[in-house]
């Protein structure tokens, strides 16, 4: 008998009860997805996430009290393997960039289609980053207006640096990169710092977008 593939455990945090229940019903109908918990506030979610250890967290961005961004900040500590997706009605560049910098693997409008929600959950669970076209446009526009003098060639990146970039693009965190390459987390951080300096970027998100835009890893 073939082993059963574990279901994608999803936890929902949303203060609009009807919307939250509707999303839960959509997810629960899928054979490969299980809603492991849901609640109305970010503060209430903390202990429940610790108990359920979901594969994916679906959260609103704005709550009364603790907000969604603070929840993302704490998620890395309380359940580091959980991959967060943010639901928002905002096209704010600040909100989008901050959510991604805090570890969000997906960012979507609340009014997206059922098929898009399912695609987002499955892709994020598989380690991918999922963004809608309008959010990608905001990110590209943001980088274009930063005014940094960035090199256009990847020739100055060492083979090890390219390995690290590839793992970051695959969704690996520093400790996962370290384990994969057989090096320490401190060495990974040092490499990332050097990469940021070489590419003229400020963080992992800018690095990923820049590398993808310039197709550096495809160069010889």
Protein backbone atom coordinates (compact mmCIF):
# COMPACT_ATOMS: atom_id res chain seq x y z
CA UNK A 1 0.00 0.00 0.00
CA UNK A 2 1.33 3.43 -0.99
CA UNK A 3 1.82 5.96 1.85
CA UNK A 4 -0.90 8.57 2.17
CA UNK A 5 0.19 12.09 1.32
CA UNK A 6 -0.38 14.36 4.34
CA UNK A 7 -3.08 16.97 3.90
CA UNK A 8 -2.26 20.66 3.78
CA UNK A 9 -3.29 21.97 7.18
CA UNK A 10 -4.72 25.49 6.99
CA UNK A 11 -5.43 27.89 9.85
CA UNK A 12 -7.72 30.90 9.20
CA UNK A 13 -7.56 34.23 11.03
CA UNK A 14 -10.31 36.62 9.93
CA UNK A 15 -12.67 38.82 11.93
CA UNK A 16 -15.47 38.75 9.34
CA UNK A 17 -17.25 35.54 10.34
CA UNK A 18 -19.20 34.99 7.11
CA UNK A 19 -16.09 35.46 4.96
CA UNK A 20 -14.03 33.19 7.23
CA UNK A 21 -16.64 30.43 7.20
CA UNK A 22 -17.03 30.69 3.43
CA UNK A 23 -13.29 30.25 2.89
CA UNK A 24 -13.23 27.36 5.37
CA UNK A 25 -16.03 25.59 3.49
CA UNK A 26 -14.22 26.02 0.16
CA UNK A 27 -10.99 24.61 1.58
CA UNK A 28 -12.60 21.76 3.50
CA UNK A 29 -14.22 20.38 0.33
CA UNK A 30 -10.78 19.61 -1.11
CA UNK A 31 -9.35 16.14 -0.51
CA UNK A 32 -5.79 17.41 -0.04
CA UNK A 33 -6.63 20.29 2.34
CA UNK A 34 -7.80 20.32 5.96
CA UNK A 35 -8.86 23.37 7.97
CA UNK A 36 -7.14 22.70 11.31
CA UNK A 37 -8.42 25.82 13.06
CA UNK A 38 -9.87 29.29 12.74
CA UNK A 39 -10.46 32.36 14.88
CA UNK A 40 -11.37 36.05 14.69
CA UNK A 41 -8.30 37.79 16.16
CA UNK A 42 -4.53 37.66 15.79
CA UNK A 43 -3.98 37.49 19.55
CA UNK A 44 -6.32 34.51 19.88
CA UNK A 45 -4.51 32.80 17.00
CA UNK A 46 -1.14 32.57 18.75
CA UNK A 47 -1.86 29.69 21.13
CA UNK A 48 -4.05 27.91 18.58
CA UNK A 49 -1.31 27.99 15.95
CA UNK A 50 1.16 26.59 18.47
CA UNK A 51 -1.25 23.71 19.13
CA UNK A 52 -2.19 22.94 15.51
CA UNK A 53 1.11 23.69 13.67
CA UNK A 54 -0.62 24.37 10.33
CA UNK A 55 1.14 24.07 6.99
CA UNK A 56 -0.40 27.36 5.86
CA UNK A 57 -1.74 30.38 7.74
CA UNK A 58 -4.39 32.50 6.01
CA UNK A 59 -4.68 35.83 7.78
CA UNK A 60 -6.29 39.23 7.36
CA UNK A 61 -3.90 42.16 7.65
CA UNK A 62 -5.87 44.58 9.84
CA UNK A 63 -7.48 43.70 13.17
CA UNK A 64 -8.38 45.59 16.30
CA UNK A 65 -5.61 45.00 18.84
CA UNK A 66 -2.74 42.90 17.52
CA UNK A 67 -2.54 43.26 13.74
CA UNK A 68 -1.68 40.78 11.02
CA UNK A 69 1.86 42.12 10.61
CA UNK A 70 2.59 41.51 14.29
CA UNK A 71 1.18 38.01 13.93
CA UNK A 72 3.60 37.38 11.05
CA UNK A 73 6.46 38.63 13.21
CA UNK A 74 5.63 36.15 15.98
CA UNK A 75 4.87 33.28 13.61
CA UNK A 76 8.56 32.71 12.87
CA UNK A 77 9.05 31.90 16.56
CA UNK A 78 5.89 30.01 17.48
CA UNK A 79 5.54 27.93 14.29
CA UNK A 80 8.53 28.48 11.96
CA UNK A 81 7.44 25.87 9.40
CA UNK A 82 4.03 27.50 8.85
CA UNK A 83 3.84 29.45 5.60
CA UNK A 84 1.69 32.60 5.84
CA UNK A 85 -0.66 34.03 3.22
CA UNK A 86 -2.12 37.51 3.71
CA UNK A 87 -5.64 38.43 2.62
CA UNK A 88 -6.14 42.15 2.15
CA UNK A 89 -8.25 44.73 0.35
CA UNK A 90 -5.25 47.05 0.23
CA UNK A 91 -3.05 47.93 -2.73
CA UNK A 92 -0.66 49.70 -0.38
CA UNK A 93 2.97 49.26 -1.39
CA UNK A 94 3.99 49.60 2.26
CA UNK A 95 1.63 46.84 3.43
CA UNK A 96 2.66 44.50 0.63
CA UNK A 97 6.40 44.98 1.12
CA UNK A 98 6.18 44.75 4.90
CA UNK A 99 4.12 41.55 4.77
CA UNK A 100 6.60 39.91 2.40
CA UNK A 101 9.58 41.05 4.45
CA UNK A 102 7.97 39.48 7.51
CA UNK A 103 7.73 36.13 5.75
CA UNK A 104 4.41 36.12 3.87
CA UNK A 105 4.58 33.63 1.01
CA UNK A 106 1.35 34.81 -0.58
CA UNK A 107 -0.61 38.05 -0.80
CA UNK A 108 -4.11 38.12 -2.24
CA UNK A 109 -7.26 40.18 -2.51
CA UNK A 110 -10.22 38.95 -0.50
CA UNK A 111 -12.36 38.94 -3.63
CA UNK A 112 -10.20 36.52 -5.62
CA UNK A 113 -11.87 33.48 -7.13
CA UNK A 114 -12.22 30.12 -5.43
CA UNK A 115 -9.82 28.54 -7.89
CA UNK A 116 -7.25 31.25 -7.16
CA UNK A 117 -7.52 30.68 -3.41
CA UNK A 118 -6.91 26.97 -3.84
CA UNK A 119 -4.02 27.57 -6.23
CA UNK A 120 -2.48 30.02 -3.77
CA UNK A 121 -2.74 27.61 -0.83
CA UNK A 122 -1.30 24.68 -2.77
CA UNK A 123 1.57 26.63 -4.29
CA UNK A 124 2.56 28.27 -1.02
CA UNK A 125 2.36 24.92 0.77
CA UNK A 126 4.76 23.57 -1.89
CA UNK A 127 7.26 26.32 -1.11
CA UNK A 128 6.44 28.82 -3.83
CA UNK A 129 5.64 32.53 -3.58
CA UNK A 130 2.15 33.43 -4.88
CA UNK A 131 1.24 36.98 -5.88
CA UNK A 132 -1.41 38.44 -8.15
CA UNK A 133 -0.39 40.43 -11.21
CA UNK A 134 -1.24 43.79 -9.65
CA UNK A 135 0.94 43.03 -6.64
CA UNK A 136 3.87 42.04 -8.85
CA UNK A 137 3.45 45.33 -10.70
CA UNK A 138 3.62 47.23 -7.41
CA UNK A 139 6.80 45.39 -6.44
CA UNK A 140 8.48 46.02 -9.79
CA UNK A 141 7.49 49.69 -9.71
CA UNK A 142 8.80 49.98 -6.17
CA UNK A 143 12.20 48.61 -7.16
CA UNK A 144 12.36 50.80 -10.26
CA UNK A 145 11.89 53.94 -8.17
CA UNK A 146 14.53 53.09 -5.55
CA UNK A 147 17.26 54.67 -7.66
CA UNK A 148 19.99 52.22 -6.67
CA UNK A 149 22.95 51.71 -8.99
CA UNK A 150 22.74 47.99 -9.55
CA UNK A 151 25.01 45.82 -11.69
CA UNK A 152 23.31 44.02 -14.57
CA UNK A 153 25.68 41.07 -14.73
CA UNK A 154 25.78 38.09 -12.42
CA UNK A 155 29.41 37.33 -13.24
CA UNK A 156 30.59 38.70 -9.90
CA UNK A 157 28.48 36.22 -7.92
CA UNK A 158 30.41 33.18 -6.75
CA UNK A 159 29.05 29.65 -7.29
CA UNK A 160 28.29 29.42 -3.56
CA UNK A 161 26.42 32.72 -3.63
CA UNK A 162 24.33 31.52 -6.56
CA UNK A 163 23.53 28.32 -4.65
CA UNK A 164 22.32 30.39 -1.72
CA UNK A 165 20.19 32.60 -3.96
CA UNK A 166 18.60 29.53 -5.56
CA UNK A 167 17.67 28.15 -2.14
CA UNK A 168 16.25 31.50 -1.03
CA UNK A 169 14.15 31.65 -4.20
CA UNK A 170 12.90 28.15 -3.36
CA UNK A 171 11.60 29.49 -0.05
CA UNK A 172 14.34 28.27 2.29
CA UNK A 173 15.11 30.18 5.47
CA UNK A 174 18.64 30.68 6.73
CA UNK A 175 18.76 27.55 8.85
CA UNK A 176 17.39 25.46 5.96
CA UNK A 177 20.00 26.92 3.59
CA UNK A 178 22.69 26.12 6.17
CA UNK A 179 21.52 22.51 6.52
CA UNK A 180 21.30 22.00 2.77
CA UNK A 181 24.81 23.32 2.13
CA UNK A 182 26.44 21.93 5.27
CA UNK A 183 27.47 25.33 6.60
CA UNK A 184 26.56 27.41 9.64
CA UNK A 185 23.71 29.93 9.80
CA UNK A 186 26.29 32.63 10.51
CA UNK A 187 28.07 31.76 7.26
CA UNK A 188 24.76 31.96 5.39
CA UNK A 189 24.11 35.42 6.87
CA UNK A 190 27.60 36.56 5.86
CA UNK A 191 27.07 35.32 2.31
CA UNK A 192 23.71 37.08 2.11
CA UNK A 193 25.26 40.31 3.34
CA UNK A 194 27.90 40.07 0.60
CA UNK A 195 25.24 39.30 -2.01
CA UNK A 196 23.17 42.31 -0.93
CA UNK A 197 26.25 44.55 -1.27
CA UNK A 198 27.14 43.17 -4.71
CA UNK A 199 23.63 43.56 -6.09
CA UNK A 200 22.88 46.84 -4.36
CA UNK A 201 19.76 45.54 -2.63
CA UNK A 202 18.56 45.93 0.93
CA UNK A 203 16.97 42.59 1.80
CA UNK A 204 15.98 39.08 0.63
CA UNK A 205 12.86 40.30 -1.13
CA UNK A 206 14.69 42.89 -3.24
CA UNK A 207 17.41 40.33 -3.97
CA UNK A 208 14.90 37.75 -5.19
CA UNK A 209 13.07 40.21 -7.43
CA UNK A 210 16.29 41.63 -8.82
CA UNK A 211 17.77 38.22 -9.59
CA UNK A 212 14.57 37.03 -11.26
CA UNK A 213 14.29 40.24 -13.30
CA UNK A 214 17.92 40.08 -14.53
CA UNK A 215 17.89 36.25 -14.93
CA UNK A 216 21.28 36.12 -13.21
CA UNK A 217 21.11 32.42 -12.40
CA UNK A 218 20.66 31.55 -16.08
CA UNK A 219 23.98 33.14 -16.99
CA UNK A 220 27.16 31.14 -17.50
